C-alpha cells in the first residue's frame, strides 16, 4: 500500500487533484514566466535540432505536443501518469499520440516507447527526488545523436533562502488570476551541482546550458541539453 505521507506519493496525487485547474491555467496564459520566456525557450531548443521524433515525458495537458505538431516532419509522443491530464490532451488533440503511462511504469518497461527518439524532453516535469532511473530510461530511447532536454526552475532564483537539496512545496499562489482551488504540491529542489551530478549518473553529458531570462534579466529557468556518453 502506498505511503500517503511520502512526498513522492503526494506529488503524484497532487497532479490528479490539480489537473483541471492546471489545464485552465496553462491554456489561459496564467503563468507569467511561460509567456515571458520559458515556453519559447523549450520550443526553440527542440526545434533547433530539427527532430523527426520527440518524446514529451510528463506532457501534462499536451500543449507542447500540439505546438510541435506545427513543425513539418516532427512526430511527437506525449505521456503522463495523470489520467485527467491525458484525457484533456486527447480531447483537445484527438489525432495526437498521448499515452497514459506513469514514470514508474516507464522505468520498469522503457520499451513501452519505441527507441529512435531524437529529443526526449522534460519541461518542468522532472520533480522527483529519485530521478536517475527515470532519466536513464529516457536516455535509452534516444537515437544516435539524440539528446535529453530538461527545463526546470532555476536553482538560484527558486532556492527560497536555502540552497540545499530537498523537498519543497509549491502552493501556486504566484499564478496570475489564480482563484483556482489548488492542492499544494511537493517538488524536489536541486542545486546546480546536483543537477549536473544527476545527469552524469544517468549516463549523460551536458552539451548546452541555458538560462532564459525575461524583461527583469533574472533567470526564469534552467535549460539543460544532454547527450549520451560513449
Protein backbone atom coordinates (compact mmCIF):
# COMPACT_ATOMS: atom_id res chain seq x y z
CA UNK A 1 0.00 0.00 0.00
CA UNK A 2 1.48 3.43 -0.93
CA UNK A 3 2.77 5.59 1.89
CA UNK A 4 0.49 8.64 1.65
CA UNK A 5 2.95 10.69 3.75
CA UNK A 6 5.74 10.09 1.23
CA UNK A 7 6.40 13.32 -0.74
CA UNK A 8 6.85 11.33 -3.95
CA UNK A 9 3.41 9.77 -3.49
CA UNK A 10 1.93 13.15 -2.58
CA UNK A 11 3.42 14.61 -5.77
CA UNK A 12 1.62 12.02 -7.88
CA UNK A 13 -1.70 12.61 -6.11
CA UNK A 14 -1.37 16.40 -6.32
CA UNK A 15 -1.22 16.29 -10.12
CA UNK A 16 -4.55 14.49 -10.25
CA UNK A 17 -6.07 16.89 -7.73
CA UNK A 18 -4.81 19.92 -9.67
CA UNK A 19 -5.33 18.60 -13.20
CA UNK A 20 -8.39 20.67 -14.10
CA UNK A 21 -7.02 23.88 -12.56
CA UNK A 22 -3.64 23.31 -14.23
CA UNK A 23 -5.25 22.81 -17.63
CA UNK A 24 -7.29 26.01 -17.33
CA UNK A 25 -4.30 28.00 -16.09
CA UNK A 26 -1.93 26.82 -18.82
CA UNK A 27 -4.45 27.37 -21.59
CA UNK A 28 -5.44 30.83 -20.35
CA UNK A 29 -1.82 32.02 -20.13
CA UNK A 30 -1.91 32.35 -16.36
CA UNK A 31 1.78 31.60 -15.75
CA UNK A 32 3.78 34.77 -16.35
CA UNK A 33 7.20 33.14 -16.75
CA UNK A 34 5.90 30.93 -19.53
CA UNK A 35 4.62 33.89 -21.50
CA UNK A 36 7.79 35.87 -20.82
CA UNK A 37 10.36 33.34 -21.96
CA UNK A 38 10.19 29.70 -20.94
CA UNK A 39 7.64 28.34 -23.44
CA UNK A 40 9.58 29.90 -26.30
CA UNK A 41 12.86 28.63 -24.84
CA UNK A 42 11.84 24.98 -24.77
CA UNK A 43 10.29 25.12 -28.23
CA UNK A 44 13.41 26.77 -29.65
CA UNK A 45 15.71 24.22 -28.02
CA UNK A 46 13.73 21.33 -29.50
CA UNK A 47 13.01 22.77 -32.96
CA UNK A 48 16.61 23.89 -33.35
CA UNK A 49 17.64 20.25 -33.54
CA UNK A 50 15.19 19.56 -36.40
CA UNK A 51 13.93 16.35 -34.79
CA UNK A 52 11.85 13.74 -36.54
CA UNK A 53 10.69 12.10 -33.28
CA UNK A 54 10.20 13.79 -29.92
CA UNK A 55 9.20 12.20 -26.63
CA UNK A 56 7.48 14.60 -24.20
CA UNK A 57 7.81 12.99 -20.76
CA UNK A 58 5.26 14.35 -18.31
CA UNK A 59 3.36 16.01 -21.13
CA UNK A 60 0.51 17.21 -18.93
CA UNK A 61 -2.43 18.64 -20.88
CA UNK A 62 -0.42 18.38 -24.10
CA UNK A 63 0.44 21.96 -25.10
CA UNK A 64 3.97 21.11 -26.22
CA UNK A 65 2.85 18.12 -28.31
CA UNK A 66 0.28 20.36 -30.00
CA UNK A 67 2.89 23.06 -30.63
CA UNK A 68 5.41 20.63 -32.14
CA UNK A 69 2.72 19.28 -34.46
CA UNK A 70 3.11 22.58 -36.32
CA UNK A 71 6.68 21.65 -37.27
CA UNK A 72 6.97 19.82 -40.61
CA UNK A 73 8.13 16.22 -40.25
CA UNK A 74 8.09 16.23 -36.44
CA UNK A 75 6.18 13.39 -34.77
CA UNK A 76 5.72 13.70 -31.01
CA UNK A 77 4.67 11.18 -28.38
CA UNK A 78 3.49 12.53 -25.04
CA UNK A 79 2.98 10.50 -21.91
CA UNK A 80 1.88 11.32 -18.40
CA UNK A 81 0.82 9.38 -15.33
CA UNK A 82 -2.18 11.62 -14.62
CA UNK A 83 -5.26 10.22 -16.40
CA UNK A 84 -7.17 13.50 -16.17
CA UNK A 85 -4.39 15.43 -17.90
CA UNK A 86 -4.10 12.80 -20.63
CA UNK A 87 -7.86 12.96 -21.15
CA UNK A 88 -7.62 16.75 -21.54
CA UNK A 89 -4.80 16.36 -24.05
CA UNK A 90 -6.72 13.81 -26.12
CA UNK A 91 -9.87 15.92 -26.03
CA UNK A 92 -8.05 18.95 -27.46
CA UNK A 93 -5.99 16.96 -29.95
CA UNK A 94 -7.74 13.70 -30.95
CA UNK A 95 -5.09 12.97 -33.58
CA UNK A 96 -2.17 13.31 -31.16
CA UNK A 97 -0.25 10.41 -29.63
CA UNK A 98 -0.88 10.69 -25.88
CA UNK A 99 -0.25 7.77 -23.56
CA UNK A 100 -1.40 7.13 -20.01
CA UNK A 101 1.91 5.93 -18.57
CA UNK A 102 3.36 6.60 -15.14
CA UNK A 103 7.03 7.26 -14.55
CA UNK A 104 7.30 4.03 -12.55
CA UNK A 105 5.80 2.08 -15.46
CA UNK A 106 8.21 3.70 -17.89
CA UNK A 107 11.20 2.90 -15.68
CA UNK A 108 10.05 -0.71 -15.35
CA UNK A 109 9.47 -1.02 -19.10
CA UNK A 110 11.20 1.62 -21.25
CA UNK A 111 10.22 -0.44 -24.30
CA UNK A 112 6.70 0.95 -23.84
CA UNK A 113 8.14 3.69 -26.07
CA UNK A 114 10.00 2.64 -29.21
CA UNK A 115 13.65 3.73 -29.38
CA UNK A 116 14.97 6.10 -32.01
CA UNK A 117 13.84 9.36 -30.38
CA UNK A 118 15.78 12.46 -31.44
CA UNK A 119 14.73 14.52 -28.41
CA UNK A 120 13.37 13.36 -25.06
CA UNK A 121 12.10 16.37 -23.14
CA UNK A 122 11.20 17.07 -19.52
CA UNK A 123 9.57 20.50 -19.41
CA UNK A 124 9.10 21.25 -15.70
CA UNK A 125 8.43 17.54 -15.35
CA UNK A 126 11.49 16.22 -13.52
CA UNK A 127 10.38 16.98 -9.96
CA UNK A 128 11.11 13.66 -8.24
CA UNK A 129 13.68 13.10 -5.54
CA UNK A 130 14.99 9.88 -7.07
CA UNK A 131 15.20 10.68 -10.75
CA UNK A 132 18.29 8.91 -12.06
CA UNK A 133 16.40 5.80 -13.22
CA UNK A 134 13.82 7.94 -14.99
CA UNK A 135 16.49 9.96 -16.74
CA UNK A 136 18.39 6.80 -17.69
CA UNK A 137 15.20 5.29 -19.13
CA UNK A 138 14.67 8.42 -21.22
CA UNK A 139 18.25 8.27 -22.45
CA UNK A 140 17.77 4.64 -23.51
CA UNK A 141 15.13 5.75 -26.04
CA UNK A 142 17.47 8.11 -27.88
CA UNK A 143 18.55 7.68 -31.48
CA UNK A 144 22.26 8.15 -32.27
CA UNK A 145 22.95 11.84 -31.82
CA UNK A 146 19.76 12.31 -29.80
CA UNK A 147 19.53 14.42 -26.67
CA UNK A 148 17.57 14.83 -23.47
CA UNK A 149 16.36 18.40 -22.88
CA UNK A 150 15.37 19.44 -19.37
CA UNK A 151 13.78 22.74 -18.44
CA UNK A 152 13.29 23.33 -14.75
CA UNK A 153 13.11 26.04 -12.11
CA UNK A 154 16.41 27.88 -11.89
CA UNK A 155 18.02 26.83 -8.59
CA UNK A 156 19.46 30.28 -7.93
CA UNK A 157 16.07 32.00 -8.12
CA UNK A 158 13.91 29.26 -6.60
CA UNK A 159 16.07 28.39 -3.58
CA UNK A 160 13.94 30.41 -1.18
CA UNK A 161 16.84 31.13 1.14
CA UNK A 162 18.05 27.53 1.48
CA UNK A 163 20.48 26.33 -1.18
CA UNK A 164 20.30 22.66 -0.24
CA UNK A 165 18.76 19.68 -1.98
CA UNK A 166 15.42 18.66 -0.54
CA UNK A 167 11.67 18.57 -0.83
CA UNK A 168 9.84 21.90 -1.12
CA UNK A 169 6.15 22.79 -1.51
CA UNK A 170 4.52 24.73 -4.34
CA UNK A 171 1.28 26.45 -3.33
CA UNK A 172 0.62 28.03 -6.79
CA UNK A 173 -0.08 31.43 -5.21
CA UNK A 174 2.10 33.19 -7.78
CA UNK A 175 -0.08 32.23 -10.74
CA UNK A 176 -1.86 35.17 -12.34
CA UNK A 177 -5.57 35.42 -11.60
CA UNK A 178 -5.39 32.29 -9.51
CA UNK A 179 -8.82 31.91 -7.98
CA UNK A 180 -8.45 28.18 -8.51
CA UNK A 181 -8.59 25.76 -5.59
CA UNK A 182 -5.05 24.39 -5.66
CA UNK A 183 -3.71 21.43 -3.70
CA UNK A 184 -0.14 22.09 -2.51
CA UNK A 185 2.40 20.09 -4.50
CA UNK A 186 5.70 18.71 -3.18
CA UNK A 187 8.68 19.03 -5.54
CA UNK A 188 12.35 18.24 -5.15
CA UNK A 189 14.81 21.15 -5.22
CA UNK A 190 18.27 20.53 -6.64
CA UNK A 191 21.28 22.79 -6.61
CA UNK A 192 23.10 23.34 -9.89
CA UNK A 193 25.81 20.96 -8.68
CA UNK A 194 23.19 18.28 -8.04
CA UNK A 195 21.62 18.74 -11.47
CA UNK A 196 24.98 18.16 -13.10
CA UNK A 197 25.62 15.10 -10.92
CA UNK A 198 22.19 13.65 -11.77
CA UNK A 199 22.83 14.00 -15.47
CA UNK A 200 26.26 12.38 -15.13
CA UNK A 201 24.88 9.48 -13.08
CA UNK A 202 22.25 8.84 -15.78
CA UNK A 203 24.99 8.29 -18.36
CA UNK A 204 24.61 11.69 -19.99
CA UNK A 205 26.89 14.67 -20.53
CA UNK A 206 25.91 18.33 -20.75
CA UNK A 207 26.02 19.70 -24.28
CA UNK A 208 24.41 23.09 -23.60
CA UNK A 209 23.32 25.01 -20.52
CA UNK A 210 20.98 27.97 -20.98
CA UNK A 211 19.32 30.39 -18.57
CA UNK A 212 16.25 32.01 -20.20
CA UNK A 213 15.52 35.48 -18.86
CA UNK A 214 12.60 37.87 -19.09
CA UNK A 215 12.44 41.64 -19.00
CA UNK A 216 13.90 41.78 -15.49
CA UNK A 217 17.11 39.99 -16.58
CA UNK A 218 16.57 37.43 -13.82
CA UNK A 219 16.87 33.80 -14.95
CA UNK A 220 13.39 32.31 -15.21
CA UNK A 221 14.52 28.75 -15.76
CA UNK A 222 17.45 26.42 -16.21
CA UNK A 223 17.54 24.65 -19.55
CA UNK A 224 19.92 21.70 -19.99
CA UNK A 225 20.67 19.77 -23.17
CA UNK A 226 22.46 16.47 -22.56
CA UNK A 227 23.71 13.72 -24.84
CA UNK A 228 24.57 10.11 -24.05
CA UNK A 229 28.19 9.44 -23.18
CA UNK A 230 30.13 6.96 -25.30
